[in-house]
Amino acid sequence: MSVERLQTSPTFVRLLVKDEQATIELDLVADPTTPIEPPTETRPGIFVDTVRELLAQKLCELLSRTELRDLEDVGALLEAGGDLPRGLSDAAAKDGGFSPPTLAWLLQSFPVHRAADEGRDPGALDAVRTRLLAALR
């Protein structure tokens, strides 16, 4: 495997990880906020955030940046059993600046039209956006 550092800050590193079969961008984040619930230990010493925690984080990220991958991640987390009403409540508890009305306003103009250019499914992303907007009304 090869690893290339793409972006670095004090609490964030984005890596490009490649092998003969696949390439993936890996984000490593040191989140200073208190988790909604503790991570699960998948193997000794390996802790992974829960679907509930990740959904709250991703909903907050939708407010702070316009990245289609965040909308895609929210869709995957909902498919994995994420509870959207609870996630919206958790996002507000996690970030005092989280505002459901502001998120609804931002989602109205979210650049789903760029999805195909990024190799993403525009229909699937629009369905996630529509589901979020319905929950926010």
N, C-alpha and C. Protein backbone atom coordinates (compact mmCIF):
# COMPACT_ATOMS: atom_id res chain seq x y z
N MET A 1 0.83 -1.17 0.00
CA MET A 1 0.00 0.00 0.00
C MET A 1 0.87 1.24 0.00
N SER A 2 0.38 2.27 -0.68
CA SER A 2 1.07 3.55 -0.61
C SER A 2 0.14 4.57 0.05
N VAL A 3 0.73 5.50 0.77
CA VAL A 3 -0.04 6.52 1.48
C VAL A 3 0.56 7.88 1.15
N GLU A 4 -0.31 8.79 0.73
CA GLU A 4 0.11 10.16 0.42
C GLU A 4 -0.73 11.12 1.26
N ARG A 5 -0.07 12.05 1.91
CA ARG A 5 -0.76 13.05 2.73
C ARG A 5 -1.26 14.16 1.81
N LEU A 6 -2.59 14.37 1.79
CA LEU A 6 -3.18 15.39 0.93
C LEU A 6 -3.43 16.71 1.66
N GLN A 7 -3.80 16.61 2.93
CA GLN A 7 -4.16 17.80 3.68
C GLN A 7 -3.85 17.56 5.16
N THR A 8 -3.35 18.59 5.83
CA THR A 8 -2.99 18.45 7.23
C THR A 8 -3.34 19.73 7.98
N SER A 9 -3.93 19.56 9.15
CA SER A 9 -4.13 20.67 10.09
C SER A 9 -3.94 20.07 11.48
N PRO A 10 -4.00 20.89 12.52
CA PRO A 10 -3.77 20.34 13.86
C PRO A 10 -4.74 19.22 14.27
N THR A 11 -5.98 19.25 13.76
CA THR A 11 -6.95 18.23 14.17
C THR A 11 -7.47 17.38 13.01
N PHE A 12 -6.82 17.48 11.84
CA PHE A 12 -7.33 16.78 10.66
C PHE A 12 -6.19 16.39 9.73
N VAL A 13 -6.29 15.17 9.19
CA VAL A 13 -5.36 14.72 8.15
C VAL A 13 -6.17 13.98 7.11
N ARG A 14 -5.97 14.31 5.85
CA ARG A 14 -6.58 13.56 4.74
C ARG A 14 -5.46 12.83 4.01
N LEU A 15 -5.63 11.52 3.90
CA LEU A 15 -4.64 10.67 3.25
C LEU A 15 -5.23 10.05 1.98
N LEU A 16 -4.40 9.83 1.01
CA LEU A 16 -4.77 9.07 -0.18
C LEU A 16 -4.08 7.73 -0.05
N VAL A 17 -4.88 6.68 0.09
CA VAL A 17 -4.35 5.34 0.32
C VAL A 17 -4.62 4.50 -0.94
N LYS A 18 -3.56 3.86 -1.46
CA LYS A 18 -3.69 3.08 -2.70
C LYS A 18 -3.06 1.71 -2.54
N ASP A 19 -3.67 0.75 -3.21
CA ASP A 19 -3.01 -0.53 -3.43
C ASP A 19 -3.25 -0.89 -4.89
N GLU A 20 -2.96 -2.11 -5.27
CA GLU A 20 -3.09 -2.50 -6.67
C GLU A 20 -4.54 -2.49 -7.15
N GLN A 21 -5.49 -2.61 -6.22
CA GLN A 21 -6.89 -2.76 -6.60
C GLN A 21 -7.76 -1.54 -6.36
N ALA A 22 -7.39 -0.67 -5.43
CA ALA A 22 -8.29 0.42 -5.07
C ALA A 22 -7.53 1.63 -4.56
N THR A 23 -8.22 2.77 -4.62
CA THR A 23 -7.73 4.03 -4.08
C THR A 23 -8.85 4.62 -3.24
N ILE A 24 -8.49 5.15 -2.08
CA ILE A 24 -9.50 5.76 -1.20
C ILE A 24 -8.88 6.95 -0.48
N GLU A 25 -9.71 7.99 -0.27
CA GLU A 25 -9.31 9.10 0.59
C GLU A 25 -9.75 8.76 2.01
N LEU A 26 -8.84 8.88 2.94
CA LEU A 26 -9.10 8.57 4.34
C LEU A 26 -8.93 9.83 5.17
N ASP A 27 -9.98 10.23 5.87
CA ASP A 27 -9.93 11.39 6.75
C ASP A 27 -9.77 10.93 8.19
N LEU A 28 -8.80 11.49 8.87
CA LEU A 28 -8.58 11.22 10.29
C LEU A 28 -8.82 12.53 11.03
N VAL A 29 -9.73 12.49 12.00
CA VAL A 29 -10.15 13.70 12.70
C VAL A 29 -10.01 13.52 14.20
N ALA A 30 -9.42 14.51 14.84
CA ALA A 30 -9.40 14.56 16.31
C ALA A 30 -10.50 15.54 16.70
N ASP A 31 -11.65 15.00 17.07
CA ASP A 31 -12.82 15.82 17.39
C ASP A 31 -12.80 16.17 18.87
N PRO A 32 -12.69 17.46 19.19
CA PRO A 32 -12.60 17.86 20.60
C PRO A 32 -13.94 17.87 21.34
N THR A 33 -15.04 17.64 20.62
CA THR A 33 -16.35 17.70 21.28
C THR A 33 -16.65 16.39 22.00
N THR A 34 -17.53 16.46 22.96
CA THR A 34 -17.95 15.27 23.70
C THR A 34 -18.85 14.44 22.79
N PRO A 35 -18.57 13.14 22.69
CA PRO A 35 -19.41 12.31 21.82
C PRO A 35 -20.83 12.17 22.38
N ILE A 36 -21.77 11.99 21.48
CA ILE A 36 -23.17 11.74 21.86
C ILE A 36 -23.25 10.41 22.61
N GLU A 37 -22.51 9.43 22.12
CA GLU A 37 -22.37 8.16 22.81
C GLU A 37 -20.97 7.64 22.56
N PRO A 38 -20.44 6.82 23.45
CA PRO A 38 -19.04 6.38 23.31
C PRO A 38 -18.86 5.47 22.08
N PRO A 39 -17.66 5.48 21.54
CA PRO A 39 -17.38 4.59 20.40
C PRO A 39 -17.39 3.13 20.85
N THR A 40 -17.55 2.25 19.87
CA THR A 40 -17.49 0.82 20.17
C THR A 40 -16.08 0.32 19.90
N GLU A 41 -15.65 -0.63 20.69
CA GLU A 41 -14.32 -1.22 20.51
C GLU A 41 -14.50 -2.46 19.63
N THR A 42 -14.16 -2.32 18.34
CA THR A 42 -14.37 -3.42 17.39
C THR A 42 -13.37 -4.54 17.56
N ARG A 43 -12.17 -4.17 17.96
CA ARG A 43 -11.09 -5.11 18.31
C ARG A 43 -10.31 -4.45 19.42
N PRO A 44 -9.54 -5.19 20.17
CA PRO A 44 -8.79 -4.55 21.25
C PRO A 44 -7.98 -3.34 20.77
N GLY A 45 -8.29 -2.18 21.34
CA GLY A 45 -7.57 -0.96 21.00
C GLY A 45 -8.08 -0.23 19.76
N ILE A 46 -9.08 -0.78 19.07
CA ILE A 46 -9.64 -0.14 17.87
C ILE A 46 -11.05 0.35 18.21
N PHE A 47 -11.22 1.66 18.27
CA PHE A 47 -12.51 2.25 18.62
C PHE A 47 -13.10 2.92 17.39
N VAL A 48 -14.39 2.68 17.16
CA VAL A 48 -15.09 3.21 15.99
C VAL A 48 -16.35 3.92 16.47
N ASP A 49 -16.57 5.12 15.94
CA ASP A 49 -17.78 5.85 16.29
C ASP A 49 -19.02 5.08 15.86
N THR A 50 -20.09 5.23 16.61
CA THR A 50 -21.35 4.56 16.30
C THR A 50 -22.07 5.28 15.16
N VAL A 51 -23.05 4.60 14.58
CA VAL A 51 -23.87 5.22 13.54
C VAL A 51 -24.52 6.49 14.07
N ARG A 52 -25.00 6.45 15.30
CA ARG A 52 -25.64 7.62 15.90
C ARG A 52 -24.67 8.80 15.97
N GLU A 53 -23.46 8.56 16.43
CA GLU A 53 -22.45 9.62 16.54
C GLU A 53 -22.07 10.15 15.16
N LEU A 54 -21.84 9.25 14.22
CA LEU A 54 -21.44 9.67 12.88
C LEU A 54 -22.54 10.48 12.19
N LEU A 55 -23.80 10.08 12.39
CA LEU A 55 -24.91 10.83 11.78
C LEU A 55 -24.96 12.25 12.33
N ALA A 56 -24.82 12.40 13.63
CA ALA A 56 -24.81 13.75 14.23
C ALA A 56 -23.67 14.58 13.64
N GLN A 57 -22.47 13.98 13.54
CA GLN A 57 -21.32 14.69 12.98
C GLN A 57 -21.57 15.10 11.53
N LYS A 58 -22.09 14.18 10.73
CA LYS A 58 -22.31 14.46 9.31
C LYS A 58 -23.37 15.53 9.10
N LEU A 59 -24.41 15.52 9.92
CA LEU A 59 -25.43 16.57 9.81
C LEU A 59 -24.82 17.93 10.12
N CYS A 60 -23.94 17.98 11.11
CA CYS A 60 -23.23 19.23 11.42
C CYS A 60 -22.34 19.65 10.25
N GLU A 61 -21.68 18.69 9.63
CA GLU A 61 -20.79 19.00 8.51
C GLU A 61 -21.56 19.53 7.31
N LEU A 62 -22.80 19.08 7.11
CA LEU A 62 -23.59 19.62 6.01
C LEU A 62 -23.79 21.12 6.14
N LEU A 63 -23.80 21.61 7.38
CA LEU A 63 -23.94 23.05 7.62
C LEU A 63 -22.64 23.80 7.37
N SER A 64 -21.52 23.14 7.61
CA SER A 64 -20.24 23.85 7.58
C SER A 64 -19.53 23.79 6.23
N ARG A 65 -19.97 22.89 5.34
CA ARG A 65 -19.33 22.80 4.03
C ARG A 65 -20.32 22.20 3.03
N THR A 66 -20.08 22.46 1.77
CA THR A 66 -20.97 21.97 0.72
C THR A 66 -20.27 20.83 -0.01
N GLU A 67 -20.21 19.69 0.63
CA GLU A 67 -19.54 18.51 0.07
C GLU A 67 -20.59 17.44 -0.20
N LEU A 68 -20.66 16.99 -1.46
CA LEU A 68 -21.62 15.96 -1.81
C LEU A 68 -21.34 14.66 -1.06
N ARG A 69 -20.09 14.42 -0.73
CA ARG A 69 -19.76 13.19 -0.01
C ARG A 69 -20.42 13.16 1.36
N ASP A 70 -20.62 14.33 1.99
CA ASP A 70 -21.30 14.38 3.28
C ASP A 70 -22.77 13.99 3.12
N LEU A 71 -23.41 14.46 2.06
CA LEU A 71 -24.79 14.09 1.79
C LEU A 71 -24.88 12.59 1.49
N GLU A 72 -23.92 12.09 0.74
CA GLU A 72 -23.85 10.66 0.44
C GLU A 72 -23.66 9.85 1.73
N ASP A 73 -22.80 10.34 2.62
CA ASP A 73 -22.56 9.66 3.90
C ASP A 73 -23.82 9.65 4.77
N VAL A 74 -24.56 10.75 4.78
CA VAL A 74 -25.81 10.80 5.55
C VAL A 74 -26.76 9.73 5.02
N GLY A 75 -26.85 9.61 3.70
CA GLY A 75 -27.70 8.58 3.11
C GLY A 75 -27.29 7.18 3.53
N ALA A 76 -25.99 6.91 3.53
CA ALA A 76 -25.49 5.60 3.93
C ALA A 76 -25.76 5.34 5.41
N LEU A 77 -25.61 6.36 6.25
CA LEU A 77 -25.87 6.20 7.68
C LEU A 77 -27.36 5.96 7.95
N LEU A 78 -28.23 6.61 7.19
CA LEU A 78 -29.66 6.36 7.34
C LEU A 78 -29.99 4.94 6.89
N GLU A 79 -29.37 4.48 5.81
CA GLU A 79 -29.57 3.11 5.34
C GLU A 79 -29.06 2.09 6.36
N ALA A 80 -28.05 2.47 7.12
CA ALA A 80 -27.47 1.58 8.13
C ALA A 80 -28.25 1.61 9.45
N GLY A 81 -29.39 2.28 9.44
CA GLY A 81 -30.24 2.29 10.64
C GLY A 81 -30.22 3.58 11.42
N GLY A 82 -29.59 4.62 10.89
CA GLY A 82 -29.57 5.90 11.58
C GLY A 82 -30.97 6.47 11.74
N ASP A 83 -31.23 7.06 12.88
CA ASP A 83 -32.53 7.64 13.22
C ASP A 83 -32.45 9.14 12.94
N LEU A 84 -33.10 9.59 11.87
CA LEU A 84 -32.96 10.98 11.44
C LEU A 84 -33.48 11.99 12.47
N PRO A 85 -34.69 11.83 13.01
CA PRO A 85 -35.12 12.82 14.02
C PRO A 85 -34.16 12.88 15.22
N ARG A 86 -33.69 11.74 15.66
CA ARG A 86 -32.73 11.72 16.76
C ARG A 86 -31.41 12.34 16.33
N GLY A 87 -31.00 12.08 15.09
CA GLY A 87 -29.76 12.65 14.57
C GLY A 87 -29.80 14.16 14.53
N LEU A 88 -30.95 14.72 14.15
CA LEU A 88 -31.09 16.18 14.13
C LEU A 88 -31.00 16.75 15.54
N SER A 89 -31.62 16.07 16.49
CA SER A 89 -31.53 16.50 17.89
C SER A 89 -30.10 16.38 18.41
N ASP A 90 -29.45 15.26 18.07
CA ASP A 90 -28.06 15.06 18.49
C ASP A 90 -27.13 16.11 17.89
N ALA A 91 -27.37 16.47 16.63
CA ALA A 91 -26.52 17.47 15.97
C ALA A 91 -26.63 18.81 16.69
N ALA A 92 -27.84 19.16 17.11
CA ALA A 92 -28.03 20.42 17.84
C ALA A 92 -27.34 20.36 19.21
N ALA A 93 -27.34 19.18 19.84
CA ALA A 93 -26.66 19.04 21.13
C ALA A 93 -25.14 19.07 20.96
N LYS A 94 -24.65 18.56 19.85
CA LYS A 94 -23.22 18.48 19.59
C LYS A 94 -22.64 19.84 19.22
N ASP A 95 -23.41 20.61 18.47
CA ASP A 95 -22.93 21.90 17.97
C ASP A 95 -24.01 22.95 18.22
N GLY A 96 -23.74 23.87 19.12
CA GLY A 96 -24.71 24.91 19.47
C GLY A 96 -25.09 25.78 18.29
N GLY A 97 -24.28 25.77 17.22
CA GLY A 97 -24.60 26.55 16.03
C GLY A 97 -25.44 25.80 15.02
N PHE A 98 -25.75 24.52 15.31
CA PHE A 98 -26.55 23.74 14.37
C PHE A 98 -27.98 24.25 14.38
N SER A 99 -28.51 24.49 13.20
CA SER A 99 -29.86 25.02 13.08
C SER A 99 -30.61 24.25 11.99
N PRO A 100 -31.65 23.50 12.35
CA PRO A 100 -32.43 22.80 11.32
C PRO A 100 -32.97 23.73 10.22
N PRO A 101 -33.50 24.93 10.56
CA PRO A 101 -33.96 25.80 9.47
C PRO A 101 -32.82 26.23 8.53
N THR A 102 -31.65 26.47 9.09
CA THR A 102 -30.51 26.84 8.24
C THR A 102 -30.09 25.67 7.36
N LEU A 103 -30.09 24.47 7.92
CA LEU A 103 -29.77 23.29 7.12
C LEU A 103 -30.77 23.12 5.98
N ALA A 104 -32.07 23.31 6.28
CA ALA A 104 -33.09 23.20 5.23
C ALA A 104 -32.83 24.23 4.13
N TRP A 105 -32.49 25.45 4.52
CA TRP A 105 -32.22 26.51 3.55
C TRP A 105 -31.02 26.14 2.68
N LEU A 106 -29.95 25.64 3.29
CA LEU A 106 -28.76 25.25 2.54
C LEU A 106 -29.03 24.08 1.60
N LEU A 107 -29.82 23.11 2.05
CA LEU A 107 -30.11 21.94 1.22
C LEU A 107 -30.89 22.30 -0.03
N GLN A 108 -31.66 23.39 0.01
CA GLN A 108 -32.42 23.82 -1.17
C GLN A 108 -31.49 24.06 -2.37
N SER A 109 -30.29 24.58 -2.09
CA SER A 109 -29.37 24.90 -3.18
C SER A 109 -28.13 24.01 -3.17
N PHE A 110 -28.21 22.87 -2.48
CA PHE A 110 -27.06 21.97 -2.44
C PHE A 110 -26.74 21.51 -3.86
N PRO A 111 -25.48 21.48 -4.26
CA PRO A 111 -25.10 21.26 -5.67
C PRO A 111 -25.19 19.80 -6.13
N VAL A 112 -26.38 19.22 -6.04
CA VAL A 112 -26.57 17.84 -6.48
C VAL A 112 -26.27 17.70 -7.97
N HIS A 113 -26.42 18.79 -8.73
CA HIS A 113 -26.14 18.76 -10.17
C HIS A 113 -24.67 18.41 -10.47
N ARG A 114 -23.78 18.56 -9.49
CA ARG A 114 -22.36 18.20 -9.68
C ARG A 114 -22.09 16.73 -9.43
N ALA A 115 -23.08 15.98 -8.99
CA ALA A 115 -22.87 14.60 -8.57
C ALA A 115 -22.23 13.74 -9.65
N ALA A 116 -22.77 13.78 -10.85
CA ALA A 116 -22.23 12.94 -11.93
C ALA A 116 -20.79 13.31 -12.24
N ASP A 117 -20.45 14.59 -12.16
CA ASP A 117 -19.06 15.02 -12.40
C ASP A 117 -18.11 14.43 -11.38
N GLU A 118 -18.61 14.13 -10.18
CA GLU A 118 -17.78 13.56 -9.11
C GLU A 118 -17.91 12.04 -9.04
N GLY A 119 -18.61 11.44 -10.01
CA GLY A 119 -18.78 9.99 -10.01
C GLY A 119 -19.79 9.51 -8.98
N ARG A 120 -20.72 10.38 -8.61
CA ARG A 120 -21.74 10.03 -7.62
C ARG A 120 -23.10 9.93 -8.33
N ASP A 121 -24.05 9.29 -7.68
CA ASP A 121 -25.38 9.08 -8.23
C ASP A 121 -26.28 10.27 -7.92
N PRO A 122 -26.61 11.10 -8.92
CA PRO A 122 -27.43 12.28 -8.66
C PRO A 122 -28.81 11.92 -8.10
N GLY A 123 -29.41 10.85 -8.60
CA GLY A 123 -30.74 10.44 -8.12
C GLY A 123 -30.71 10.05 -6.66
N ALA A 124 -29.70 9.30 -6.26
CA ALA A 124 -29.59 8.87 -4.87
C ALA A 124 -29.36 10.07 -3.95
N LEU A 125 -28.51 11.00 -4.38
CA LEU A 125 -28.24 12.18 -3.55
C LEU A 125 -29.47 13.07 -3.45
N ASP A 126 -30.20 13.20 -4.54
CA ASP A 126 -31.41 14.01 -4.50
C ASP A 126 -32.45 13.36 -3.57
N ALA A 127 -32.50 12.03 -3.55
CA ALA A 127 -33.42 11.33 -2.65
C ALA A 127 -33.06 11.59 -1.19
N VAL A 128 -31.77 11.59 -0.88
CA VAL A 128 -31.34 11.89 0.50
C VAL A 128 -31.70 13.33 0.85
N ARG A 129 -31.42 14.24 -0.07
CA ARG A 129 -31.75 15.66 0.17
C ARG A 129 -33.25 15.82 0.40
N THR A 130 -34.06 15.16 -0.41
CA THR A 130 -35.52 15.25 -0.28
C THR A 130 -35.97 14.69 1.07
N ARG A 131 -35.37 13.58 1.49
CA ARG A 131 -35.71 12.98 2.79
C ARG A 131 -35.35 13.92 3.93
N LEU A 132 -34.18 14.55 3.84
CA LEU A 132 -33.77 15.51 4.87
C LEU A 132 -34.72 16.70 4.91
N LEU A 133 -35.04 17.23 3.76
CA LEU A 133 -35.94 18.39 3.71
C LEU A 133 -37.30 18.06 4.29
N ALA A 134 -37.81 16.86 4.01
CA ALA A 134 -39.11 16.46 4.58
C ALA A 134 -39.03 16.39 6.10
N ALA A 135 -37.93 15.87 6.64
CA ALA A 135 -37.77 15.77 8.10
C ALA A 135 -37.60 17.14 8.73
N LEU A 136 -37.04 18.08 8.01
CA LEU A 136 -36.78 19.41 8.54
C LEU A 136 -38.01 20.32 8.50
N ARG A 137 -39.02 19.92 7.75
CA ARG A 137 -40.23 20.77 7.65
C ARG A 137 -41.08 20.69 8.87
